[in-house]
């Protein structure tokens, strides 16, 4: 049992450890992370036995894996109408395998555990991706990886000015769950730890989803009340976020139609389908976040029913089921799952990530998460104690709060123009073709191309020829959906680029 303690009688050693702020990045300072403002009149601590914490972490991870891998047959299958899955028994008889719903986080957890990198630099993130993440990624992540081949580093790779998926893609959701698992009862730490990693490919509203969901998972360690868990997530949102209204709608419709999940699904589809049910809707944060919250509310803490409903709500069903499964998995714990008699083989097969372990198990993955959690607990004012010959974590609780407000995109674009102009000029003058292509792409995306072309016609001509050779990047640009895809293509076309010939093989 987790025991919550209130008090201020602390020694110097007990004083909270200041979380070192990420160093300001060129162009986009991580000063966007707001200061920690706790509303509680006095600090609280929660004590969780080490074996209970490990059980909840394992339960959350297995819930995530079940939702992901059992949900794959339902991915993008139910768009206009919900699914009709009536019976479902969780299981992983062949064990789990890597999939982008868990394996990007696996790389991050491994890096934090092995190298104690909690505040990665742009160069570290780019090197990490180039070493480990080169296949089986899509949408915002695929585009970010290709921008790295052009020589860009995070967080530029996750800016909508350059990555047309980044302001709506659900990578902010399906790459966030383990960051909640490593920060039990510490929702602000969960978000602060996640955001530098998530900004590789997304920004804006998708990062509001990150804050929402990591806060919910962190809170699930100390309560099984789903309403309190969801409210904690809401308190982590910027008040201007669209997701505030999304959550309020789902909660209100659930209250109005407590036994009619299909009615809520229909209302969600009507209100938040904005692009005819095409890719932007299917892969967007609004409908998929709503599906997670609705699955939790209608599932009423029952893991099987929560996952079944997440499958049926549809859209990107495996991602949504994985997140909902993480929340309920933390509440239930793995020992409870074992008591259900489900066939879950303790294996996590690496089929996607370069230079990562080939002998991983689910247990070992969970232990890595636990190791990172212990580090963060201590770094943020907690302790690991021995009580009656039993290890206990004393965790300094945090109130949920928005630590990453929504950007002002107009100001961000102006800032990018100002800060990147010297780099663009230098790239255009380089003798290296990749640098030339990078300069051209940045200039075109930032509406600087026409002016530069007038002042530096020879360099711009050479740079445009170099960019035309970046066939994979241009192929991705021409395949990006509305609303940002057509805008990017119009800029590229106006600069004189054409749609590349179809590439052989899947990108």
Protein backbone atom coordinates (compact mmCIF):
# COMPACT_ATOMS: atom_id res chain seq x y z
CA UNK A 1 0.00 0.00 0.00
CA UNK A 2 1.17 3.53 -0.78
CA UNK A 3 1.09 5.77 2.27
CA UNK A 4 0.87 9.53 1.81
CA UNK A 5 2.63 11.62 4.43
CA UNK A 6 2.48 15.36 4.98
CA UNK A 7 5.09 17.27 6.86
CA UNK A 8 7.83 19.84 6.89
CA UNK A 9 10.16 18.38 9.53
CA UNK A 10 13.02 17.55 7.24
CA UNK A 11 16.76 17.49 7.56
CA UNK A 12 19.06 19.21 5.10
CA UNK A 13 19.51 15.90 3.32
CA UNK A 14 15.75 15.73 2.80
CA UNK A 15 15.50 19.07 1.08
CA UNK A 16 14.22 18.91 -2.47
CA UNK A 17 16.81 18.46 -5.15
CA UNK A 18 16.56 21.18 -7.76
CA UNK A 19 15.98 19.64 -11.17
CA UNK A 20 18.76 21.01 -13.37
CA UNK A 21 17.18 22.90 -16.23
CA UNK A 22 17.96 21.79 -19.75
CA UNK A 23 20.52 24.17 -21.25
CA UNK A 24 19.00 26.66 -23.72
CA UNK A 25 19.17 25.29 -27.25
CA UNK A 26 20.11 27.38 -30.25
CA UNK A 27 17.04 28.94 -31.83
CA UNK A 28 14.44 27.44 -29.49
CA UNK A 29 15.26 27.76 -25.80
CA UNK A 30 13.85 25.15 -23.50
CA UNK A 31 12.97 28.13 -21.35
CA UNK A 32 9.49 27.29 -22.60
CA UNK A 33 9.45 24.85 -19.67
CA UNK A 34 7.62 26.79 -17.02
CA UNK A 35 8.83 27.08 -13.45
CA UNK A 36 7.64 24.49 -10.98
CA UNK A 37 4.77 26.07 -9.06
CA UNK A 38 3.31 23.82 -6.40
CA UNK A 39 -0.06 24.79 -5.02
CA UNK A 40 0.07 22.62 -1.92
CA UNK A 41 0.55 24.56 1.34
CA UNK A 42 3.06 22.00 2.55
CA UNK A 43 5.07 19.31 0.84
CA UNK A 44 3.76 15.80 0.83
CA UNK A 45 5.56 12.53 0.50
CA UNK A 46 4.24 9.13 -0.45
CA UNK A 47 5.86 5.90 0.70
CA UNK A 48 5.66 2.96 -1.68
CA UNK A 49 7.31 -0.38 -0.89
CA UNK A 50 9.94 -1.20 -3.50
CA UNK A 51 8.30 -4.48 -4.43
CA UNK A 52 4.95 -2.72 -4.93
CA UNK A 53 6.53 -0.04 -7.09
CA UNK A 54 8.24 -2.70 -9.23
CA UNK A 55 4.93 -4.57 -9.54
CA UNK A 56 3.12 -1.45 -10.71
CA UNK A 57 5.86 -0.58 -13.21
CA UNK A 58 5.73 -4.10 -14.61
CA UNK A 59 1.93 -3.93 -14.70
CA UNK A 60 2.05 -0.64 -16.58
CA UNK A 61 4.57 -1.96 -19.10
CA UNK A 62 2.65 -5.18 -19.71
CA UNK A 63 -0.59 -3.21 -20.03
CA UNK A 64 1.13 -1.07 -22.65
CA UNK A 65 2.44 -4.11 -24.53
CA UNK A 66 -0.93 -5.84 -24.48
CA UNK A 67 -2.71 -2.78 -25.79
CA UNK A 68 -0.10 -2.24 -28.48
CA UNK A 69 0.40 -5.74 -29.82
CA UNK A 70 -3.11 -7.10 -29.23
CA UNK A 71 -4.41 -3.86 -30.74
CA UNK A 72 -2.47 -4.06 -34.00
CA UNK A 73 -5.19 -6.04 -35.83
CA UNK A 74 -7.55 -3.11 -35.12
CA UNK A 75 -5.21 -0.28 -36.09
CA UNK A 76 -6.93 2.18 -38.48
CA UNK A 77 -9.72 -0.34 -39.12
CA UNK A 78 -12.59 1.58 -37.51
CA UNK A 79 -12.91 5.12 -38.82
CA UNK A 80 -16.46 5.89 -39.92
CA UNK A 81 -17.96 3.35 -37.56
CA UNK A 82 -16.65 1.81 -34.31
CA UNK A 83 -15.40 -1.74 -34.05
CA UNK A 84 -17.47 -4.64 -32.82
CA UNK A 85 -15.01 -6.62 -30.67
CA UNK A 86 -17.20 -8.45 -28.16
CA UNK A 87 -14.78 -10.94 -26.64
CA UNK A 88 -11.12 -10.40 -25.82
CA UNK A 89 -8.58 -12.29 -23.76
CA UNK A 90 -5.22 -10.57 -23.25
CA UNK A 91 -2.15 -12.60 -24.10
CA UNK A 92 1.36 -12.60 -25.50
CA UNK A 93 2.00 -16.31 -26.02
CA UNK A 94 5.03 -15.62 -28.23
CA UNK A 95 6.22 -12.84 -25.97
CA UNK A 96 6.35 -9.19 -26.99
CA UNK A 97 8.31 -7.66 -29.83
CA UNK A 98 9.54 -4.22 -30.68
CA UNK A 99 7.07 -1.87 -32.31
CA UNK A 100 7.21 1.92 -32.54
CA UNK A 101 4.63 2.12 -29.76
CA UNK A 102 7.23 0.86 -27.27
CA UNK A 103 10.64 0.56 -28.89
CA UNK A 104 11.49 4.26 -29.15
CA UNK A 105 10.87 4.46 -25.42
CA UNK A 106 12.97 1.33 -24.97
CA UNK A 107 15.89 3.13 -26.61
CA UNK A 108 15.35 6.16 -24.38
CA UNK A 109 15.03 4.13 -21.18
CA UNK A 110 18.13 2.12 -22.08
CA UNK A 111 20.06 5.35 -22.67
CA UNK A 112 18.93 6.89 -19.41
CA UNK A 113 19.74 3.71 -17.47
CA UNK A 114 23.10 2.95 -19.08
CA UNK A 115 24.44 6.47 -19.60
CA UNK A 116 22.50 8.61 -17.11
CA UNK A 117 21.42 10.95 -19.89
CA UNK A 118 18.30 12.66 -18.58
CA UNK A 119 18.70 16.01 -20.32
CA UNK A 120 20.01 15.11 -23.76
CA UNK A 121 21.66 17.72 -25.95
CA UNK A 122 20.54 18.12 -29.56
CA UNK A 123 23.67 16.32 -30.74
CA UNK A 124 23.12 13.42 -28.32
CA UNK A 125 19.56 12.97 -29.54
CA UNK A 126 20.56 13.02 -33.19
CA UNK A 127 23.39 10.55 -32.55
CA UNK A 128 21.03 8.33 -30.58
CA UNK A 129 18.58 8.17 -33.45
CA UNK A 130 21.24 7.61 -36.09
CA UNK A 131 22.65 4.74 -34.06
CA UNK A 132 19.43 3.00 -33.04
CA UNK A 133 16.36 4.31 -34.88
CA UNK A 134 16.57 3.80 -38.62
CA UNK A 135 13.61 1.65 -39.62
CA UNK A 136 9.96 0.93 -38.86
CA UNK A 137 9.08 4.54 -38.08
CA UNK A 138 6.44 6.66 -39.75
CA UNK A 139 4.87 10.09 -40.04
CA UNK A 140 6.46 12.69 -37.73
CA UNK A 141 9.18 10.28 -36.62
CA UNK A 142 10.06 9.28 -40.18
CA UNK A 143 10.23 12.89 -41.28
CA UNK A 144 12.38 13.85 -38.28
CA UNK A 145 14.80 11.02 -39.05
CA UNK A 146 15.15 12.19 -42.64
CA UNK A 147 15.80 15.75 -41.48
CA UNK A 148 18.66 14.34 -39.41
CA UNK A 149 20.14 12.96 -42.62
CA UNK A 150 20.06 16.54 -43.85
CA UNK A 151 22.10 17.56 -40.82
CA UNK A 152 19.33 19.04 -38.65
CA UNK A 153 19.17 18.20 -34.95
CA UNK A 154 16.33 18.22 -32.42
CA UNK A 155 14.33 20.22 -31.59
CA UNK A 156 14.46 21.64 -35.13
CA UNK A 157 13.49 18.21 -36.45
CA UNK A 158 10.22 18.51 -34.52
CA UNK A 159 9.27 22.02 -35.59
CA UNK A 160 6.21 22.35 -37.84
CA UNK A 161 8.12 24.86 -39.97
CA UNK A 162 10.27 21.94 -41.14
CA UNK A 163 8.35 18.80 -40.13
CA UNK A 164 4.77 19.07 -41.44
CA UNK A 165 3.50 16.27 -39.19
CA UNK A 166 4.77 17.67 -35.94
CA UNK A 167 1.90 19.86 -34.78
CA UNK A 168 -0.76 17.13 -34.90
CA UNK A 169 0.88 13.70 -34.93
CA UNK A 170 0.19 11.31 -32.05
CA UNK A 171 3.86 10.54 -31.41
CA UNK A 172 3.39 12.77 -28.38
CA UNK A 173 1.10 10.04 -27.07
CA UNK A 174 2.55 6.71 -28.09
CA UNK A 175 6.14 7.62 -27.18
CA UNK A 176 5.30 8.97 -23.73
CA UNK A 177 4.02 6.16 -21.48
CA UNK A 178 7.28 5.00 -19.91
CA UNK A 179 8.06 8.58 -18.92
CA UNK A 180 5.03 8.37 -16.66
CA UNK A 181 6.25 5.03 -15.32
CA UNK A 182 9.66 6.45 -14.34
CA UNK A 183 8.11 9.29 -12.33
CA UNK A 184 5.63 7.80 -9.83
CA UNK A 185 3.68 10.56 -8.03
CA UNK A 186 5.86 13.11 -9.89
CA UNK A 187 3.80 14.33 -12.87
CA UNK A 188 5.93 17.42 -13.47
CA UNK A 189 9.11 15.35 -13.53
CA UNK A 190 7.42 12.93 -15.94
CA UNK A 191 6.70 15.74 -18.39
CA UNK A 192 10.05 17.51 -17.94
CA UNK A 193 11.90 14.27 -18.59
CA UNK A 194 9.77 13.36 -21.60
CA UNK A 195 9.59 16.66 -23.45
CA UNK A 196 13.21 16.93 -24.69
CA UNK A 197 12.93 13.41 -26.13
CA UNK A 198 9.48 13.98 -27.61
CA UNK A 199 10.50 17.26 -29.25
CA UNK A 200 12.56 15.20 -31.67
CA UNK A 201 9.42 14.86 -33.78
CA UNK A 202 6.48 16.83 -32.34
CA UNK A 203 5.63 20.11 -30.67
CA UNK A 204 2.63 22.19 -29.69
CA UNK A 205 -0.60 20.31 -29.00
CA UNK A 206 1.01 16.85 -29.24
CA UNK A 207 3.20 17.84 -26.29
CA UNK A 208 0.09 18.85 -24.39
CA UNK A 209 -1.02 15.24 -24.89
CA UNK A 210 2.36 14.16 -23.52
CA UNK A 211 1.82 16.21 -20.37
CA UNK A 212 -1.76 14.98 -19.99
CA UNK A 213 -0.91 11.31 -20.26
CA UNK A 214 2.34 11.23 -18.32
CA UNK A 215 0.57 13.06 -15.48
CA UNK A 216 -2.20 10.46 -15.52
CA UNK A 217 0.24 7.56 -15.42
CA UNK A 218 2.33 9.15 -12.66
CA UNK A 219 -0.84 9.74 -10.64
CA UNK A 220 -2.08 6.17 -11.09
CA UNK A 221 0.68 5.01 -8.73
CA UNK A 222 -1.12 6.62 -5.79
CA UNK A 223 -4.83 6.28 -6.58
CA UNK A 224 -7.18 3.97 -8.46
CA UNK A 225 -9.81 6.70 -8.86
CA UNK A 226 -10.00 7.25 -12.61
CA UNK A 227 -11.73 10.60 -12.23
CA UNK A 228 -8.84 11.87 -10.08
CA UNK A 229 -6.34 10.43 -12.52
CA UNK A 230 -7.99 12.15 -15.49
CA UNK A 231 -8.33 15.41 -13.57
CA UNK A 232 -4.61 15.28 -12.77
CA UNK A 233 -3.96 15.00 -16.48
CA UNK A 234 -6.19 17.97 -17.23
CA UNK A 235 -4.32 20.09 -14.69
CA UNK A 236 -1.12 19.39 -16.64
CA UNK A 237 -2.52 21.04 -19.77
CA UNK A 238 -2.04 24.58 -20.95
CA UNK A 239 -5.45 26.19 -20.41
CA UNK A 240 -5.44 27.24 -24.08
CA UNK A 241 -5.01 23.65 -25.25
CA UNK A 242 -7.70 22.12 -27.44
CA UNK A 243 -7.38 19.05 -25.26
CA UNK A 244 -9.04 20.84 -22.34
CA UNK A 245 -12.24 20.95 -24.37
CA UNK A 246 -11.72 17.41 -25.65
CA UNK A 247 -11.47 16.09 -22.08
CA UNK A 248 -14.44 18.12 -20.91
CA UNK A 249 -16.53 16.80 -23.79
CA UNK A 250 -15.65 13.16 -23.12
CA UNK A 251 -16.32 13.50 -19.39
CA UNK A 252 -19.65 15.25 -20.01
CA UNK A 253 -20.80 12.74 -22.63
CA UNK A 254 -19.81 9.83 -20.42
CA UNK A 255 -21.86 11.35 -17.61
CA UNK A 256 -24.81 11.87 -19.96
CA UNK A 257 -24.54 8.46 -21.61
CA UNK A 258 -22.89 6.23 -18.95
CA UNK A 259 -23.95 2.99 -20.65
CA UNK A 260 -23.69 4.08 -24.28
CA UNK A 261 -20.08 4.25 -25.37
CA UNK A 262 -21.13 4.14 -29.02
CA UNK A 263 -23.10 7.37 -28.53
CA UNK A 264 -20.01 9.10 -27.13
CA UNK A 265 -17.96 7.74 -30.01
CA UNK A 266 -20.43 9.16 -32.50
CA UNK A 267 -20.39 12.57 -30.82
CA UNK A 268 -16.58 12.57 -30.85
CA UNK A 269 -16.49 11.71 -34.53
CA UNK A 270 -18.99 14.44 -35.38
CA UNK A 271 -17.21 17.18 -33.44
CA UNK A 272 -13.54 16.35 -33.96
CA UNK A 273 -13.45 14.89 -37.48
CA UNK A 274 -12.13 17.91 -39.34
CA UNK A 275 -10.49 16.49 -42.46
CA UNK A 276 -13.09 14.07 -43.75
CA UNK A 277 -11.76 11.17 -41.72
CA UNK A 278 -8.51 11.18 -43.70
CA UNK A 279 -4.97 10.86 -42.37
CA UNK A 280 -4.97 14.11 -40.37
CA UNK A 281 -7.98 12.86 -38.37
CA UNK A 282 -6.83 9.26 -38.04
CA UNK A 283 -3.34 10.27 -36.94
CA UNK A 284 -4.29 13.42 -35.06
CA UNK A 285 -4.21 14.07 -31.34
CA UNK A 286 -7.86 15.11 -30.88
CA UNK A 287 -9.75 11.92 -31.72
CA UNK A 288 -7.07 9.59 -30.42
CA UNK A 289 -6.69 11.37 -27.08
CA UNK A 290 -10.46 11.35 -26.72
CA UNK A 291 -10.53 7.61 -27.41
CA UNK A 292 -8.03 6.98 -24.60
CA UNK A 293 -10.04 8.95 -22.05
CA UNK A 294 -13.35 7.44 -23.15
CA UNK A 295 -11.94 3.89 -23.00
CA UNK A 296 -10.78 4.49 -19.45
CA UNK A 297 -14.09 5.95 -18.31
CA UNK A 298 -16.26 3.30 -19.91
CA UNK A 299 -13.81 0.55 -18.94
CA UNK A 300 -14.28 1.46 -15.26
CA UNK A 301 -10.87 0.15 -14.22
CA UNK A 302 -11.39 -3.27 -15.81
CA UNK A 303 -8.28 -3.89 -17.93
CA UNK A 304 -9.93 -6.30 -20.36
CA UNK A 305 -12.90 -4.04 -20.97
CA UNK A 306 -10.71 -0.95 -21.23
CA UNK A 307 -8.57 -2.53 -23.93
CA UNK A 308 -11.58 -3.97 -25.76
CA UNK A 309 -13.19 -0.54 -25.82
CA UNK A 310 -9.97 1.10 -26.99
CA UNK A 311 -9.92 -1.34 -29.91
CA UNK A 312 -13.55 -0.52 -30.70
CA UNK A 313 -13.22 3.23 -30.46
CA UNK A 314 -10.87 2.83 -33.40
CA UNK A 315 -8.68 5.33 -35.24
CA UNK A 316 -5.09 4.54 -34.19
CA UNK A 317 -6.43 1.84 -31.90
CA UNK A 318 -3.23 0.07 -30.89
CA UNK A 319 -1.62 3.31 -29.73
CA UNK A 320 -4.69 4.30 -27.76
CA UNK A 321 -5.07 0.87 -26.18
CA UNK A 322 -1.41 0.89 -25.18
CA UNK A 323 -1.78 4.17 -23.32
CA UNK A 324 -5.04 3.21 -21.62
CA UNK A 325 -3.53 -0.17 -20.78
CA UNK A 326 -0.57 1.53 -19.11
CA UNK A 327 -2.84 3.50 -16.77
CA UNK A 328 -4.91 0.50 -15.72
CA UNK A 329 -1.83 -1.72 -15.63
CA UNK A 330 -0.23 0.56 -13.04
CA UNK A 331 -3.40 0.46 -10.95
CA UNK A 332 -3.72 -3.33 -11.10
CA UNK A 333 -0.06 -4.37 -11.00
CA UNK A 334 1.52 -7.39 -12.61
CA UNK A 335 0.82 -9.86 -9.82
CA UNK A 336 -2.86 -9.32 -10.43
CA UNK A 337 -2.34 -9.96 -14.15
CA UNK A 338 -0.55 -13.21 -13.38
CA UNK A 339 -3.51 -14.31 -11.27
CA UNK A 340 -5.76 -14.03 -14.33
CA UNK A 341 -4.04 -16.95 -16.04
CA UNK A 342 -3.20 -15.04 -19.22
CA UNK A 343 -0.48 -16.52 -21.42
CA UNK A 344 2.30 -13.91 -21.37
CA UNK A 345 5.75 -15.11 -22.31
CA UNK A 346 8.58 -13.12 -20.73
CA UNK A 347 10.31 -12.05 -23.93
CA UNK A 348 10.82 -8.74 -25.73
CA UNK A 349 12.19 -9.55 -29.17
CA UNK A 350 14.22 -6.87 -30.89
CA UNK A 351 13.14 -6.81 -34.52
CA UNK A 352 13.57 -3.11 -35.24
CA UNK A 353 16.23 -1.25 -33.26
CA UNK A 354 19.87 -1.27 -34.37
CA UNK A 355 22.60 -1.97 -31.81
CA UNK A 356 20.13 -2.67 -29.00
CA UNK A 357 20.03 -5.86 -26.90
CA UNK A 358 18.94 -9.03 -28.67
CA UNK A 359 18.18 -10.91 -25.44
CA UNK A 360 15.74 -8.52 -23.77
CA UNK A 361 12.84 -9.77 -21.66
CA UNK A 362 9.77 -7.89 -20.50
CA UNK A 363 11.07 -8.25 -16.96
CA UNK A 364 14.42 -6.73 -17.88
CA UNK A 365 12.70 -3.85 -19.70
CA UNK A 366 10.64 -3.19 -16.56
CA UNK A 367 13.77 -3.36 -14.39
CA UNK A 368 15.40 -0.71 -16.57
CA UNK A 369 12.36 1.50 -16.03
CA UNK A 370 12.59 0.84 -12.28
CA UNK A 371 16.26 1.78 -12.24
CA UNK A 372 15.54 5.09 -13.97
CA UNK A 373 12.61 5.68 -11.61
CA UNK A 374 14.87 5.24 -8.58
CA UNK A 375 17.32 7.77 -9.97
CA UNK A 376 14.59 10.33 -10.60
CA UNK A 377 12.98 9.77 -7.21
CA UNK A 378 16.27 10.54 -5.46
CA UNK A 379 17.14 13.44 -7.77
CA UNK A 380 13.83 15.07 -6.94
CA UNK A 381 13.99 14.97 -3.17
CA UNK A 382 13.00 11.38 -2.43
CA UNK A 383 14.83 8.53 -0.76
CA UNK A 384 15.12 4.78 -0.76
CA UNK A 385 14.81 3.57 2.84
CA UNK A 386 14.85 0.34 4.79
CA UNK A 387 11.84 -0.16 7.04
CA UNK A 388 11.48 -3.40 8.95
CA UNK A 389 13.95 -5.12 6.60
CA UNK A 390 11.92 -3.96 3.62
CA UNK A 391 12.96 -1.44 0.96
CA UNK A 392 10.62 1.53 0.66
CA UNK A 393 10.67 4.55 -1.61
CA UNK A 394 9.80 7.86 0.01
CA UNK A 395 8.74 10.00 -2.93
CA UNK A 396 8.33 13.75 -2.86
CA UNK A 397 4.91 14.27 -4.44
CA UNK A 398 4.25 16.91 -7.07
CA UNK A 399 1.08 18.67 -8.08
CA UNK A 400 0.28 18.23 -11.77
CA UNK A 401 1.04 21.40 -13.71
CA UNK A 402 1.72 22.54 -17.24
CA UNK A 403 5.50 22.73 -17.62
CA UNK A 404 5.47 23.34 -21.39
CA UNK A 405 2.97 26.00 -22.51
CA UNK A 406 1.73 26.15 -26.06
CA UNK A 407 4.09 28.12 -28.29
CA UNK A 408 3.16 31.29 -30.11
CA UNK A 409 3.76 29.89 -33.59
CA UNK A 410 4.00 33.32 -35.26
CA UNK A 411 6.69 34.38 -32.83
CA UNK A 412 8.41 31.00 -33.10
CA UNK A 413 8.54 31.31 -36.91
CA UNK A 414 9.97 34.83 -36.68
CA UNK A 415 12.55 33.59 -34.19
CA UNK A 416 13.56 30.76 -36.47
CA UNK A 417 14.00 33.16 -39.36
CA UNK A 418 16.22 35.44 -37.31
CA UNK A 419 18.31 32.78 -35.64
CA UNK A 420 18.82 30.51 -38.65
CA UNK A 421 19.63 33.10 -41.31
CA UNK A 422 23.41 33.06 -40.55
CA UNK A 423 23.41 29.27 -40.68
CA UNK A 424 21.53 29.26 -43.98
CA UNK A 425 24.01 31.69 -45.53
CA UNK A 426 26.92 29.59 -44.35
CA UNK A 427 25.30 26.40 -45.72
CA UNK A 428 24.72 27.99 -49.12
CA UNK A 429 28.41 28.90 -49.39
CA UNK A 430 29.70 25.47 -48.35
CA UNK A 431 31.26 23.12 -50.87
CA UNK A 432 29.38 20.20 -49.29
CA UNK A 433 26.20 19.09 -51.09
CA UNK A 434 24.35 18.11 -47.91
CA UNK A 435 25.03 21.52 -46.37
CA UNK A 436 23.83 23.17 -49.57
CA UNK A 437 20.63 21.11 -49.54
CA UNK A 438 20.06 21.91 -45.88
CA UNK A 439 20.46 25.62 -46.52
CA UNK A 440 17.99 25.48 -49.38
CA UNK A 441 15.41 23.52 -47.39
CA UNK A 442 15.63 25.84 -44.38
CA UNK A 443 15.40 28.94 -46.54
CA UNK A 444 12.40 27.63 -48.49
CA UNK A 445 10.54 26.55 -45.35
CA UNK A 446 11.19 29.89 -43.63
CA UNK A 447 10.07 32.01 -46.63
CA UNK A 448 13.59 33.39 -47.09
CA UNK A 449 14.29 31.80 -50.44
CA UNK A 450 13.24 34.56 -52.84
CA UNK A 451 15.30 37.22 -51.09
CA UNK A 452 18.35 34.98 -50.86
CA UNK A 453 18.03 33.96 -54.48
CA UNK A 454 18.20 37.58 -55.55
CA UNK A 455 21.32 38.25 -53.48
CA UNK A 456 23.10 34.93 -53.99
CA UNK A 457 21.85 33.48 -57.30
CA UNK A 458 24.77 31.17 -57.98
CA UNK A 459 24.84 29.67 -54.49
CA UNK A 460 21.07 29.22 -54.47
CA UNK A 461 21.10 27.50 -57.84
CA UNK A 462 23.70 25.03 -56.61
CA UNK A 463 21.83 24.50 -53.34
CA UNK A 464 18.54 23.84 -55.11
CA UNK A 465 20.23 21.22 -57.30
CA UNK A 466 21.58 19.59 -54.14
CA UNK A 467 18.14 19.60 -52.50
CA UNK A 468 16.65 18.01 -55.61
CA UNK A 469 18.93 15.03 -54.95
CA UNK A 470 17.37 14.49 -51.50
CA UNK A 471 14.82 12.13 -52.99
CA UNK A 472 13.65 10.47 -49.77
CA UNK A 473 12.96 13.79 -48.05
CA UNK A 474 11.10 15.17 -51.05
CA UNK A 475 9.15 11.94 -51.42
CA UNK A 476 8.02 12.27 -47.79
CA UNK A 477 7.14 15.93 -48.35
CA UNK A 478 4.94 15.04 -51.31
CA UNK A 479 3.19 12.32 -49.33
CA UNK A 480 2.44 14.44 -46.26
CA UNK A 481 -1.30 15.00 -45.75
CA UNK A 482 -3.22 18.22 -45.29
CA UNK A 483 -3.18 20.75 -43.83
CA UNK A 484 0.60 21.21 -43.73
CA UNK A 485 1.59 18.96 -46.62
CA UNK A 486 0.04 21.16 -49.35
CA UNK A 487 1.64 24.26 -47.80
CA UNK A 488 5.10 22.70 -47.83
CA UNK A 489 4.68 21.39 -51.38
CA UNK A 490 3.59 24.84 -52.57
CA UNK A 491 6.80 26.35 -51.17
CA UNK A 492 8.97 23.64 -52.69
CA UNK A 493 7.24 23.94 -56.06
CA UNK A 494 7.54 27.73 -56.06
CA UNK A 495 11.28 27.33 -55.54
CA UNK A 496 11.49 25.16 -58.64
CA UNK A 497 11.39 21.63 -57.24
CA UNK A 498 9.24 18.88 -58.69
CA UNK A 499 7.68 15.79 -57.22
CA UNK A 500 10.34 13.06 -57.26
CA UNK A 501 9.90 9.81 -59.13
CA UNK A 502 8.41 7.04 -56.94
CA UNK A 503 11.02 5.45 -54.71
CA UNK A 504 11.43 1.71 -54.69
CA UNK A 505 10.77 0.12 -51.31
CA UNK A 506 8.89 1.44 -48.28
CA UNK A 507 10.11 4.61 -46.59
